[in-house]
Amino acid sequence: MNNTKFSTWLNLFWMFLKINLLTSSGPASIGLLYKQAVGKIMTEAQFVEAVGFSNVMPGSEALKVAMFVGFAAGGLPGALTALLGSVLPPTISMLIVTLAIKHFQDEVWMDSFISGMLPAVAVLIAIVAWKLFRGENKISKRSLLIAAASLTALALGAPAPLVLLAAGLVGVVLFR
């Protein structure tokens, strides 16, 4: 194996590991990646192409950019190395949180902690729903009808994926 290729892969791994340890992804990670990558492993035009391409494809923008940058710098092994550096920090973080929850699940305070979190999660979901309704899709009678039917179906025990699929199909008919 060429020592230069290995060095490139190691640099990619370290770059994405560092970025994902220092940021919570999203726009902050893109700005930091720009400083780390442009002029060192790719041109500004390539970087702009990577970010633009990642916005078109489904999935996590940060992971798509990591794979694109990794591929541009080191081929398929570079893409896999950059991806590994990107997913390792959140994976380890989630593993630690999961282990802590598992360890403390029988503790009285954990039930209280979760009970305290539930209203906050409900408010976050409500805020997201409100922002969605205020955006492009203004609240209309048709939107309220779909919301009421969805709530009723979920309250009656219908599986959430089927409710979402049905709401989408109803939307196709009602919003033509």
Protein backbone atom coordinates (compact mmCIF):
# COMPACT_ATOMS: atom_id res chain seq x y z
CA MET A 1 0.00 0.00 0.00
CA ASN A 2 1.20 3.46 -0.86
CA ASN A 3 2.19 5.46 2.23
CA THR A 4 0.75 8.64 0.66
CA LYS A 5 -2.69 7.02 0.28
CA PHE A 6 -2.62 5.82 3.88
CA SER A 7 -1.63 9.30 5.02
CA THR A 8 -4.53 10.79 3.05
CA TRP A 9 -7.00 8.34 4.60
CA LEU A 10 -5.63 9.02 8.09
CA ASN A 11 -5.92 12.78 7.51
CA LEU A 12 -9.51 12.35 6.30
CA PHE A 13 -10.42 10.26 9.32
CA TRP A 14 -8.85 12.78 11.72
CA MET A 15 -10.45 15.75 9.93
CA PHE A 16 -13.97 14.35 10.13
CA LEU A 17 -13.51 12.97 13.63
CA LYS A 18 -12.38 16.43 14.79
CA ILE A 19 -15.22 18.22 12.99
CA ASN A 20 -17.84 15.90 14.47
CA LEU A 21 -16.38 16.21 17.95
CA LEU A 22 -16.34 20.03 17.78
CA THR A 23 -19.73 20.64 16.13
CA SER A 24 -23.21 19.21 16.19
CA SER A 25 -23.14 18.91 12.39
CA GLY A 26 -25.30 21.03 10.13
CA PRO A 27 -24.13 24.49 9.05
CA ALA A 28 -21.42 24.69 11.73
CA SER A 29 -19.75 21.54 10.48
CA ILE A 30 -19.87 22.77 6.87
CA GLY A 31 -18.07 25.99 7.84
CA LEU A 32 -15.39 24.12 9.76
CA LEU A 33 -15.01 21.58 6.96
CA TYR A 34 -14.53 24.43 4.49
CA LYS A 35 -11.58 25.70 6.52
CA GLN A 36 -10.12 22.20 6.84
CA ALA A 37 -10.59 21.00 3.26
CA VAL A 38 -10.44 23.90 0.78
CA GLY A 39 -6.91 24.48 -0.43
CA LYS A 40 -5.64 21.34 1.28
CA ILE A 41 -7.48 18.41 -0.26
CA MET A 42 -9.88 20.08 -2.68
CA THR A 43 -10.61 23.31 -4.49
CA GLU A 44 -13.35 25.74 -3.54
CA ALA A 45 -15.27 24.74 -6.69
CA GLN A 46 -15.14 21.07 -5.64
CA PHE A 47 -16.32 21.99 -2.15
CA VAL A 48 -19.25 24.02 -3.49
CA GLU A 49 -20.12 21.07 -5.75
CA ALA A 50 -19.99 18.71 -2.76
CA VAL A 51 -22.30 20.86 -0.65
CA GLY A 52 -24.68 21.48 -3.56
CA PHE A 53 -24.81 17.80 -4.44
CA SER A 54 -25.44 16.83 -0.82
CA ASN A 55 -28.48 19.11 -0.69
CA VAL A 56 -30.09 17.30 -3.62
CA MET A 57 -29.70 13.75 -2.31
CA PRO A 58 -31.80 12.37 0.57
CA GLY A 59 -30.21 11.73 3.94
CA SER A 60 -27.89 13.51 6.33
CA GLU A 61 -26.16 16.45 4.66
CA ALA A 62 -23.06 16.16 6.85
CA LEU A 63 -22.56 12.48 5.99
CA LYS A 64 -23.09 13.06 2.28
CA VAL A 65 -20.57 15.90 2.27
CA ALA A 66 -18.11 13.70 4.20
CA MET A 67 -18.42 10.92 1.64
CA PHE A 68 -18.11 13.34 -1.28
CA VAL A 69 -15.02 15.04 0.19
CA GLY A 70 -13.53 11.69 1.18
CA PHE A 71 -14.08 10.30 -2.30
CA ALA A 72 -12.59 13.40 -3.94
CA ALA A 73 -9.48 13.13 -1.77
CA GLY A 74 -9.01 9.38 -1.50
CA GLY A 75 -11.40 7.43 -3.70
CA LEU A 76 -13.73 4.83 -2.21
CA PRO A 77 -11.43 4.12 0.77
CA GLY A 78 -11.32 7.89 1.40
CA ALA A 79 -15.11 8.09 1.36
CA LEU A 80 -15.37 5.19 3.81
CA THR A 81 -12.68 6.68 6.05
CA ALA A 82 -14.37 10.11 6.11
CA LEU A 83 -17.70 8.42 6.82
CA LEU A 84 -16.17 6.48 9.72
CA GLY A 85 -14.71 9.68 11.18
CA SER A 86 -18.13 11.31 10.87
CA VAL A 87 -20.24 8.59 12.45
CA LEU A 88 -17.90 7.53 15.24
CA PRO A 89 -18.49 10.50 17.63
CA PRO A 90 -22.32 10.44 17.53
CA THR A 91 -22.36 6.65 17.64
CA ILE A 92 -20.16 6.55 20.74
CA SER A 93 -22.19 9.36 22.32
CA MET A 94 -25.45 7.50 21.72
CA LEU A 95 -23.93 4.28 23.03
CA ILE A 96 -22.88 6.03 26.25
CA VAL A 97 -26.32 7.61 26.70
CA THR A 98 -28.03 4.28 26.00
CA LEU A 99 -25.81 2.45 28.47
CA ALA A 100 -26.46 5.11 31.11
CA ILE A 101 -30.22 4.88 30.59
CA LYS A 102 -30.05 1.08 30.71
CA HIS A 103 -27.95 1.20 33.89
CA PHE A 104 -30.25 3.66 35.67
CA GLN A 105 -33.59 2.48 34.26
CA ASP A 106 -34.74 0.98 37.57
CA GLU A 107 -33.85 4.09 39.57
CA VAL A 108 -36.73 6.20 40.88
CA TRP A 109 -35.08 9.43 39.74
CA MET A 110 -34.86 8.13 36.14
CA ASP A 111 -38.65 7.80 35.97
CA SER A 112 -38.91 11.36 37.27
CA PHE A 113 -36.31 12.53 34.74
CA ILE A 114 -38.26 10.98 31.87
CA SER A 115 -41.53 12.38 33.24
CA GLY A 116 -39.91 15.80 33.24
CA MET A 117 -38.68 15.39 29.65
CA LEU A 118 -42.04 14.30 28.20
CA PRO A 119 -43.70 17.75 28.30
CA ALA A 120 -40.58 19.33 26.76
CA VAL A 121 -40.58 16.79 23.93
CA ALA A 122 -44.29 17.38 23.37
CA VAL A 123 -43.70 21.14 23.17
CA LEU A 124 -40.82 20.66 20.71
CA ILE A 125 -43.03 18.52 18.49
CA ALA A 126 -45.85 21.08 18.73
CA ILE A 127 -43.47 23.92 17.78
CA VAL A 128 -42.22 21.98 14.76
CA ALA A 129 -45.81 21.27 13.72
CA TRP A 130 -46.74 24.94 14.15
CA LYS A 131 -43.76 26.06 12.06
CA LEU A 132 -44.72 23.56 9.34
CA PHE A 133 -48.28 24.86 9.24
CA ARG A 134 -47.13 28.51 9.22
CA GLY A 135 -44.70 27.89 6.37
CA GLU A 136 -45.72 27.21 2.80
CA ASN A 137 -48.77 25.19 3.82
CA LYS A 138 -51.10 27.71 5.43
CA ILE A 139 -53.62 26.29 7.87
CA SER A 140 -56.68 25.46 5.81
CA LYS A 141 -59.83 23.47 6.37
CA ARG A 142 -58.28 20.66 4.31
CA SER A 143 -55.15 20.65 6.49
CA LEU A 144 -57.25 20.58 9.64
CA LEU A 145 -59.32 17.73 8.19
CA ILE A 146 -56.18 15.66 7.53
CA ALA A 147 -54.83 16.50 11.00
CA ALA A 148 -58.11 15.49 12.70
CA ALA A 149 -58.36 12.26 10.70
CA SER A 150 -54.72 11.43 11.47
CA LEU A 151 -55.21 12.09 15.19
CA THR A 152 -58.33 9.93 15.22
CA ALA A 153 -56.59 7.08 13.38
CA LEU A 154 -53.59 7.22 15.74
CA ALA A 155 -55.88 7.33 18.80
CA LEU A 156 -57.63 4.22 17.50
CA GLY A 157 -54.29 2.43 17.26
CA ALA A 158 -53.47 2.69 13.57
CA PRO A 159 -49.74 2.28 12.80
CA ALA A 160 -48.03 5.67 12.35
CA PRO A 161 -46.40 4.77 8.99
CA LEU A 162 -49.79 3.85 7.54
CA VAL A 163 -51.34 7.05 8.89
CA LEU A 164 -48.56 9.09 7.23
CA LEU A 165 -48.99 7.23 3.95
CA ALA A 166 -52.78 7.70 4.02
CA ALA A 167 -52.42 11.41 4.89
CA GLY A 168 -50.03 11.86 1.96
CA LEU A 169 -52.42 10.15 -0.43
CA VAL A 170 -55.34 12.24 0.85
CA GLY A 171 -53.15 15.31 0.39
CA VAL A 172 -52.56 14.36 -3.24
CA VAL A 173 -56.32 14.31 -3.78
CA LEU A 174 -57.25 17.37 -1.70
CA PHE A 175 -54.42 19.71 -2.68
CA ARG A 176 -54.47 19.29 -6.46
